[in-house]
Amino acid sequence: MQIKSHWSDDGESVICRFTPDTRHIGWPGLVYGGLIAMLVDCHSNHAAIAYHYHQDGRTAGDGEEPIECVTGHLGIGYKKPTPMGVELTLKTWVEGEVGRKSRVICEVWAGDIMTCRGDSVFVRVQADKLRAQARKMIADLGITGDV
């Protein structure tokens, strides 16, 4: 999604702003729910990674092995329709301890109306091991070419 996530001014949550365009229409005048789910997934993953960096006392791009997370469970609760033509604000935080598996809460706001709440789990992984597993699965399935 090429979104930009950053720490809130109080340092308690991770914030993202996104304005849907006409490609993102579900019903006339409303944002497609699949886009909302994708935003929640992508931004929540960014937040999980940011919390891990913070917990480890590190910053991204510090020359050490990058911290990576994957979605273990994506929970989406649509509260109200999300209108087109409004900048959306996603506010995300880790609920409880930051561990290998972390529960991440993400609220989607259209102005002062919360339209969606994500309650998901993200898993810290070692990227090289995950890549090796994926390559093995692809080979086992007999898939060839660039994947």
Protein backbone atom coordinates (compact mmCIF):
# COMPACT_ATOMS: atom_id res chain seq x y z
CA MET A 1 0.00 0.00 0.00
CA GLN A 2 3.05 2.27 0.32
CA ILE A 3 1.57 3.85 3.45
CA LYS A 4 3.60 5.90 5.89
CA SER A 5 3.28 5.08 9.57
CA HIS A 6 4.77 7.13 12.40
CA TRP A 7 4.68 7.36 16.19
CA SER A 8 1.97 9.59 17.65
CA ASP A 9 3.08 12.77 19.40
CA ASP A 10 2.61 11.08 22.80
CA GLY A 11 4.59 7.98 21.69
CA GLU A 12 1.78 5.65 22.75
CA SER A 13 0.50 4.58 19.34
CA VAL A 14 1.45 4.42 15.67
CA ILE A 15 -0.51 6.64 13.26
CA CYS A 16 -1.17 6.47 9.53
CA ARG A 17 -3.22 8.74 7.31
CA PHE A 18 -4.70 7.56 4.01
CA THR A 19 -7.18 9.14 1.62
CA PRO A 20 -9.01 6.60 -0.56
CA ASP A 21 -9.59 7.52 -4.18
CA THR A 22 -12.12 6.37 -6.78
CA ARG A 23 -10.31 3.03 -7.20
CA HIS A 24 -11.34 2.21 -3.63
CA ILE A 25 -15.13 2.54 -3.94
CA GLY A 26 -17.21 -0.36 -2.65
CA TRP A 27 -20.79 0.89 -2.63
CA PRO A 28 -21.41 4.33 -4.13
CA GLY A 29 -19.92 6.88 -1.75
CA LEU A 30 -18.36 4.22 0.50
CA VAL A 31 -14.87 2.75 0.80
CA TYR A 32 -14.47 -0.93 -0.16
CA GLY A 33 -14.20 -3.06 2.98
CA GLY A 34 -11.35 -5.10 1.49
CA LEU A 35 -9.26 -1.94 1.27
CA ILE A 36 -9.98 -1.21 4.93
CA ALA A 37 -8.82 -4.74 5.85
CA MET A 38 -5.65 -4.30 3.78
CA LEU A 39 -4.90 -0.96 5.47
CA VAL A 40 -5.46 -2.47 8.94
CA ASP A 41 -3.19 -5.42 8.09
CA CYS A 42 -0.40 -3.32 6.60
CA HIS A 43 -0.45 -0.57 9.23
CA SER A 44 -0.79 -3.01 12.14
CA ASN A 45 2.25 -4.90 10.86
CA HIS A 46 4.21 -1.62 10.72
CA ALA A 47 3.12 -0.91 14.30
CA ALA A 48 4.17 -4.36 15.54
CA ILE A 49 7.60 -3.88 13.97
CA ALA A 50 7.91 -0.36 15.43
CA TYR A 51 7.08 -1.69 18.91
CA HIS A 52 9.72 -4.43 18.54
CA TYR A 53 12.36 -1.88 17.53
CA HIS A 54 11.39 0.27 20.50
CA GLN A 55 11.47 -2.70 22.90
CA ASP A 56 14.90 -3.75 21.60
CA GLY A 57 16.23 -0.19 21.90
CA ARG A 58 16.90 -0.07 18.17
CA THR A 59 15.95 2.03 15.17
CA ALA A 60 15.12 0.79 11.68
CA GLY A 61 18.09 0.82 9.33
CA ASP A 62 20.60 0.59 12.19
CA GLY A 63 22.74 -1.90 10.27
CA GLU A 64 21.58 -4.90 12.28
CA GLU A 65 19.27 -7.65 11.02
CA PRO A 66 15.93 -5.99 10.19
CA ILE A 67 12.97 -6.84 12.41
CA GLU A 68 10.17 -8.52 10.46
CA CYS A 69 6.65 -9.58 11.43
CA VAL A 70 3.92 -11.50 9.63
CA THR A 71 0.19 -11.68 10.20
CA GLY A 72 -0.80 -14.56 12.45
CA HIS A 73 -4.46 -13.57 12.73
CA LEU A 74 -6.32 -10.66 11.15
CA GLY A 75 -9.50 -9.65 12.93
CA ILE A 76 -11.67 -6.93 11.40
CA GLY A 77 -14.80 -5.45 12.96
CA TYR A 78 -16.66 -3.06 10.70
CA LYS A 79 -18.53 -0.61 12.96
CA LYS A 80 -19.96 1.89 10.47
CA PRO A 81 -19.71 2.50 6.72
CA THR A 82 -16.54 4.36 5.78
CA PRO A 83 -17.31 7.37 3.57
CA MET A 84 -15.33 8.30 0.46
CA GLY A 85 -13.78 11.76 0.26
CA VAL A 86 -12.49 11.75 3.85
CA GLU A 87 -8.93 11.28 5.02
CA LEU A 88 -8.76 8.16 7.17
CA THR A 89 -6.65 8.01 10.31
CA LEU A 90 -5.46 4.64 11.55
CA LYS A 91 -4.40 4.56 15.21
CA THR A 92 -2.65 1.39 16.31
CA TRP A 93 -1.02 0.03 19.45
CA VAL A 94 0.17 -3.24 20.93
CA GLU A 95 -2.22 -4.53 23.57
CA GLY A 96 -0.25 -6.22 26.35
CA GLU A 97 3.35 -7.36 26.11
CA VAL A 98 5.42 -7.15 22.97
CA GLY A 99 6.55 -10.73 22.39
CA ARG A 100 7.15 -13.09 19.51
CA LYS A 101 3.35 -12.98 19.11
CA SER A 102 1.82 -9.59 19.82
CA ARG A 103 -1.83 -8.52 19.88
CA VAL A 104 -2.30 -5.34 17.87
CA ILE A 105 -5.38 -3.11 18.02
CA CYS A 106 -6.06 -0.77 15.10
CA GLU A 107 -8.85 1.81 14.94
CA VAL A 108 -9.87 3.38 11.63
CA TRP A 109 -11.31 6.87 11.93
CA ALA A 110 -13.11 8.96 9.29
CA GLY A 111 -13.02 12.36 10.93
CA ASP A 112 -14.36 11.82 14.45
CA ILE A 113 -16.21 8.56 13.59
CA MET A 114 -14.58 5.18 14.22
CA THR A 115 -15.62 3.02 11.29
CA CYS A 116 -13.53 -0.11 11.91
CA ARG A 117 -11.56 -1.83 14.66
CA GLY A 118 -8.90 -4.42 13.98
CA ASP A 119 -7.85 -6.93 16.65
CA SER A 120 -5.01 -8.98 15.21
CA VAL A 121 -1.92 -10.99 16.09
CA PHE A 122 1.48 -10.41 14.48
CA VAL A 123 4.38 -12.82 14.78
CA ARG A 124 8.03 -11.80 14.82
CA VAL A 125 9.94 -13.94 12.34
CA GLN A 126 13.44 -14.44 11.04
CA ALA A 127 13.09 -13.40 7.41
CA ASP A 128 15.77 -15.75 6.08
CA LYS A 129 14.09 -18.79 7.69
CA LEU A 130 10.67 -17.73 6.40
CA ARG A 131 12.07 -17.28 2.86
CA ALA A 132 13.64 -20.75 3.01
CA GLN A 133 10.33 -22.28 4.13
CA ALA A 134 8.47 -20.52 1.32
CA ARG A 135 10.99 -21.68 -1.30
CA LYS A 136 10.71 -25.27 -0.05
CA MET A 137 6.90 -25.14 -0.20
CA ILE A 138 7.03 -23.73 -3.73
CA ALA A 139 9.45 -26.44 -4.83
CA ASP A 140 7.33 -29.15 -3.16
CA LEU A 141 4.31 -27.88 -5.10
CA GLY A 142 6.25 -28.07 -8.37
CA ILE A 143 5.88 -24.36 -9.11
CA THR A 144 8.58 -23.00 -11.41
CA GLY A 145 9.58 -19.57 -12.60
CA ASP A 146 9.84 -16.31 -10.68
CA VAL A 147 7.74 -16.48 -7.57
